Amino acid sequence: MEFVLLVIGLALILAGANFLTDGSSDLARRLRISEFVIGITVIGIGTSAPELVVSIGAALKGSSDMSVGNIIGSNLVNTLVILGITALILPLDLSANNIKKDIPFGVLASVVLLIVCSDSLLGDSYRDSISRSEGLLLLALFIVFLSYTIYSSPAGKKSDSEGLPEKKRSLWLSIAFVAGGLAGLIYGGDLFLDHALIISRRFGISNRL
């Protein structure tokens, strides 16, 4: 039964992220926000909502290993597996922005994470942890990246919104999508985490794995 509820929780998380992203995109278009800004904010953050919900939930339940492992594993899969499979199917042409901006920022984010997680190696503490001040630093760097990306992009530039088609919905339906998406993320994340922890304890599997 734990495995069934785990899968149901995962399905709610994924469905919730989709509903939240679609509804938020519709609302942003109604406010005449450019497709490019929607792509890097609403779509970008919305598609990362499952990791956000699972990591926050794991941290609140005292499972920091699962919280950090979720982020590291997700980035490894995105970088190595998804890019690898995509390149096997069709070689990927890189733009100047990819080389000069996107990839360096990605590397910088990994380096900063390594530094804030290496307290004992740097002699700051005997206990490695990510403090609140370091959390604020990570958020500040994200805001800098976001601001720089928007500022350095041509005015009115459009994004393909990660391949999502533009859909016309009523205002109330868009709001319902956002509310339903949030509910699915929150409830699904809680359900998923509870039963992931139960299963890991039952089989003696570490939360990090």
Protein backbone atom coordinates (compact mmCIF):
# COMPACT_ATOMS: atom_id res chain seq x y z
CA MET A 1 0.00 0.00 0.00
CA GLU A 2 2.93 2.34 0.72
CA PHE A 3 4.14 1.96 -2.87
CA VAL A 4 0.64 2.73 -4.23
CA LEU A 5 0.37 5.88 -2.11
CA LEU A 6 3.92 6.86 -3.12
CA VAL A 7 2.95 6.68 -6.80
CA ILE A 8 -0.30 8.58 -6.15
CA GLY A 9 1.67 11.30 -4.36
CA LEU A 10 4.12 11.54 -7.26
CA ALA A 11 1.26 11.74 -9.77
CA LEU A 12 -0.34 14.57 -7.76
CA ILE A 13 2.97 16.44 -7.67
CA LEU A 14 3.47 16.19 -11.43
CA ALA A 15 -0.15 17.03 -12.24
CA GLY A 16 -0.07 19.92 -9.77
CA ALA A 17 3.08 21.34 -11.37
CA ASN A 18 1.45 21.13 -14.82
CA PHE A 19 -1.77 22.83 -13.69
CA LEU A 20 0.17 25.53 -11.81
CA THR A 21 2.42 26.22 -14.81
CA ASP A 22 -0.46 26.36 -17.34
CA GLY A 23 -2.66 28.55 -15.13
CA SER A 24 0.18 30.91 -14.21
CA SER A 25 1.18 31.24 -17.89
CA ASP A 26 -2.39 32.14 -18.85
CA LEU A 27 -2.59 34.77 -16.11
CA ALA A 28 0.81 36.21 -17.09
CA ARG A 29 -0.31 36.52 -20.73
CA ARG A 30 -3.48 38.32 -19.61
CA LEU A 31 -1.22 40.83 -17.84
CA ARG A 32 0.69 41.24 -21.15
CA ILE A 33 3.94 39.88 -19.75
CA SER A 34 6.30 38.85 -22.59
CA GLU A 35 6.67 35.19 -23.51
CA PHE A 36 10.39 35.39 -22.73
CA VAL A 37 9.82 36.57 -19.16
CA ILE A 38 7.09 33.94 -18.73
CA GLY A 39 9.54 31.30 -19.95
CA ILE A 40 12.31 32.09 -17.48
CA THR A 41 10.07 32.84 -14.50
CA VAL A 42 6.65 31.17 -14.51
CA ILE A 43 7.63 28.17 -16.65
CA GLY A 44 11.14 27.83 -15.21
CA ILE A 45 10.02 28.00 -11.60
CA GLY A 46 6.81 26.06 -12.25
CA THR A 47 8.63 23.08 -13.75
CA SER A 48 10.93 23.05 -10.70
CA ALA A 49 7.98 23.09 -8.29
CA PRO A 50 8.12 19.30 -7.62
CA GLU A 51 11.73 19.57 -6.41
CA LEU A 52 10.82 22.64 -4.34
CA VAL A 53 7.89 20.92 -2.65
CA VAL A 54 9.75 17.66 -1.97
CA SER A 55 12.88 19.39 -0.63
CA ILE A 56 10.98 21.77 1.66
CA GLY A 57 8.80 18.93 2.91
CA ALA A 58 11.82 16.70 3.56
CA ALA A 59 13.61 19.49 5.45
CA LEU A 60 10.52 20.12 7.61
CA LYS A 61 10.36 16.40 8.41
CA GLY A 62 14.03 16.44 9.46
CA SER A 63 15.30 14.52 6.42
CA SER A 64 18.00 16.87 5.13
CA ASP A 65 19.68 14.00 3.25
CA MET A 66 16.57 13.54 1.11
CA SER A 67 16.20 17.30 0.66
CA VAL A 68 19.75 17.81 -0.66
CA GLY A 69 19.85 14.49 -2.51
CA ASN A 70 16.65 15.42 -4.37
CA ILE A 71 18.27 18.60 -5.75
CA ILE A 72 21.62 17.00 -6.61
CA GLY A 73 19.93 13.99 -8.23
CA SER A 74 17.57 16.18 -10.23
CA ASN A 75 20.41 18.31 -11.59
CA LEU A 76 22.49 15.24 -12.46
CA VAL A 77 19.57 13.70 -14.35
CA ASN A 78 18.84 16.97 -16.18
CA THR A 79 22.47 17.54 -17.16
CA LEU A 80 23.70 14.01 -17.89
CA VAL A 81 20.66 11.87 -18.71
CA ILE A 82 18.24 14.28 -20.41
CA LEU A 83 20.90 16.17 -22.38
CA GLY A 84 22.64 12.89 -23.21
CA ILE A 85 19.48 11.23 -24.57
CA THR A 86 18.48 14.38 -26.46
CA ALA A 87 21.91 14.68 -28.07
CA LEU A 88 21.75 10.99 -29.08
CA ILE A 89 18.46 11.61 -30.86
CA LEU A 90 19.48 14.91 -32.43
CA PRO A 91 22.75 16.88 -31.99
CA LEU A 92 22.15 20.13 -30.13
CA ASP A 93 23.36 23.45 -31.54
CA LEU A 94 24.47 25.87 -28.83
CA SER A 95 23.83 29.60 -29.02
CA ALA A 96 26.24 32.34 -27.96
CA ASN A 97 24.06 32.92 -24.88
CA ASN A 98 24.41 29.26 -23.90
CA ILE A 99 28.20 29.51 -23.98
CA LYS A 100 28.63 32.99 -22.52
CA LYS A 101 25.80 33.11 -19.98
CA ASP A 102 23.73 29.99 -19.29
CA ILE A 103 26.47 27.38 -18.83
CA PRO A 104 28.83 29.66 -16.80
CA PHE A 105 25.94 30.53 -14.45
CA GLY A 106 25.15 26.83 -14.12
CA VAL A 107 28.77 26.04 -13.22
CA LEU A 108 28.85 29.01 -10.81
CA ALA A 109 25.73 27.71 -9.03
CA SER A 110 27.41 24.30 -8.51
CA VAL A 111 30.63 25.91 -7.24
CA VAL A 112 28.72 28.13 -4.78
CA LEU A 113 26.76 25.09 -3.52
CA LEU A 114 30.04 23.21 -2.99
CA ILE A 115 31.47 26.14 -1.01
CA VAL A 116 28.44 26.63 1.27
CA CYS A 117 28.34 22.87 1.95
CA SER A 118 32.05 22.61 2.87
CA ASP A 119 32.18 24.29 6.27
CA SER A 120 34.50 21.69 7.79
CA LEU A 121 36.92 21.79 4.86
CA LEU A 122 37.08 25.59 5.01
CA GLY A 123 37.62 25.50 8.77
CA ASP A 124 34.44 27.44 9.56
CA SER A 125 32.80 24.67 11.54
CA TYR A 126 33.04 20.98 12.44
CA ARG A 127 29.49 20.50 11.17
CA ASP A 128 28.65 20.91 7.49
CA SER A 129 25.34 22.66 6.92
CA ILE A 130 23.59 25.24 4.76
CA SER A 131 22.71 28.10 7.11
CA ARG A 132 19.92 30.65 6.74
CA SER A 133 22.45 33.29 5.67
CA GLU A 134 23.79 30.92 3.00
CA GLY A 135 20.22 30.23 1.89
CA LEU A 136 19.73 33.99 1.47
CA LEU A 137 22.98 34.09 -0.55
CA LEU A 138 21.69 31.38 -2.90
CA LEU A 139 18.38 33.22 -3.36
CA ALA A 140 20.23 36.50 -3.98
CA LEU A 141 22.36 34.87 -6.69
CA PHE A 142 19.18 33.56 -8.36
CA ILE A 143 17.69 37.07 -8.35
CA VAL A 144 20.93 38.43 -9.85
CA PHE A 145 20.82 35.78 -12.60
CA LEU A 146 17.15 36.47 -13.30
CA SER A 147 17.65 40.24 -13.40
CA TYR A 148 20.71 39.96 -15.62
CA THR A 149 18.93 37.60 -18.02
CA ILE A 150 15.92 39.90 -18.40
CA TYR A 151 18.04 43.07 -18.62
CA SER A 152 20.49 41.67 -21.18
CA SER A 153 17.79 40.26 -23.47
CA PRO A 154 16.34 42.31 -26.35
CA ALA A 155 13.06 44.00 -25.48
CA GLY A 156 10.03 42.03 -26.51
CA LYS A 157 12.00 38.84 -27.15
CA LYS A 158 9.72 35.84 -27.03
CA SER A 159 10.27 32.39 -25.62
CA ASP A 160 8.80 29.15 -26.77
CA SER A 161 7.70 28.56 -23.15
CA GLU A 162 9.53 25.24 -23.18
CA GLY A 163 7.32 23.89 -25.96
CA LEU A 164 4.03 24.47 -24.19
CA PRO A 165 1.29 25.55 -26.60
CA GLU A 166 -0.60 28.74 -25.86
CA LYS A 167 -4.07 27.91 -24.64
CA LYS A 168 -6.98 30.31 -24.23
CA ARG A 169 -8.88 29.77 -21.02
CA SER A 170 -11.34 31.87 -19.06
CA LEU A 171 -9.96 33.92 -16.19
CA TRP A 172 -11.70 31.79 -13.57
CA LEU A 173 -10.47 28.58 -15.13
CA SER A 174 -6.90 29.89 -15.08
CA ILE A 175 -7.28 30.79 -11.40
CA ALA A 176 -8.73 27.32 -10.73
CA PHE A 177 -5.71 25.77 -12.48
CA VAL A 178 -3.34 27.73 -10.20
CA ALA A 179 -5.27 26.86 -7.03
CA GLY A 180 -5.67 23.20 -8.01
CA GLY A 181 -2.02 22.99 -8.97
CA LEU A 182 -0.90 24.36 -5.61
CA ALA A 183 -3.23 21.96 -3.79
CA GLY A 184 -1.90 19.01 -5.79
CA LEU A 185 1.70 20.00 -5.11
CA ILE A 186 1.22 20.47 -1.39
CA TYR A 187 -0.93 17.37 -0.73
CA GLY A 188 0.96 15.19 -3.21
CA GLY A 189 4.32 16.28 -1.81
CA ASP A 190 3.25 15.42 1.72
CA LEU A 191 1.84 12.05 0.65
CA PHE A 192 4.93 11.24 -1.42
CA LEU A 193 7.40 12.15 1.35
CA ASP A 194 5.57 10.31 4.13
CA HIS A 195 5.55 7.05 2.23
CA ALA A 196 9.04 7.48 0.77
CA LEU A 197 10.32 7.74 4.36
CA ILE A 198 8.28 4.71 5.45
CA ILE A 199 9.62 2.62 2.55
CA SER A 200 13.22 3.72 3.15
CA ARG A 201 13.01 2.74 6.83
CA ARG A 202 11.36 -0.60 6.05
CA PHE A 203 14.10 -1.64 3.61
CA GLY A 204 16.99 0.02 5.42
CA ILE A 205 17.65 2.43 2.53
CA SER A 206 19.30 5.75 3.35
CA ASN A 207 17.25 8.91 2.78
CA ARG A 208 20.10 10.29 0.72
CA LEU A 209 19.81 7.40 -1.79
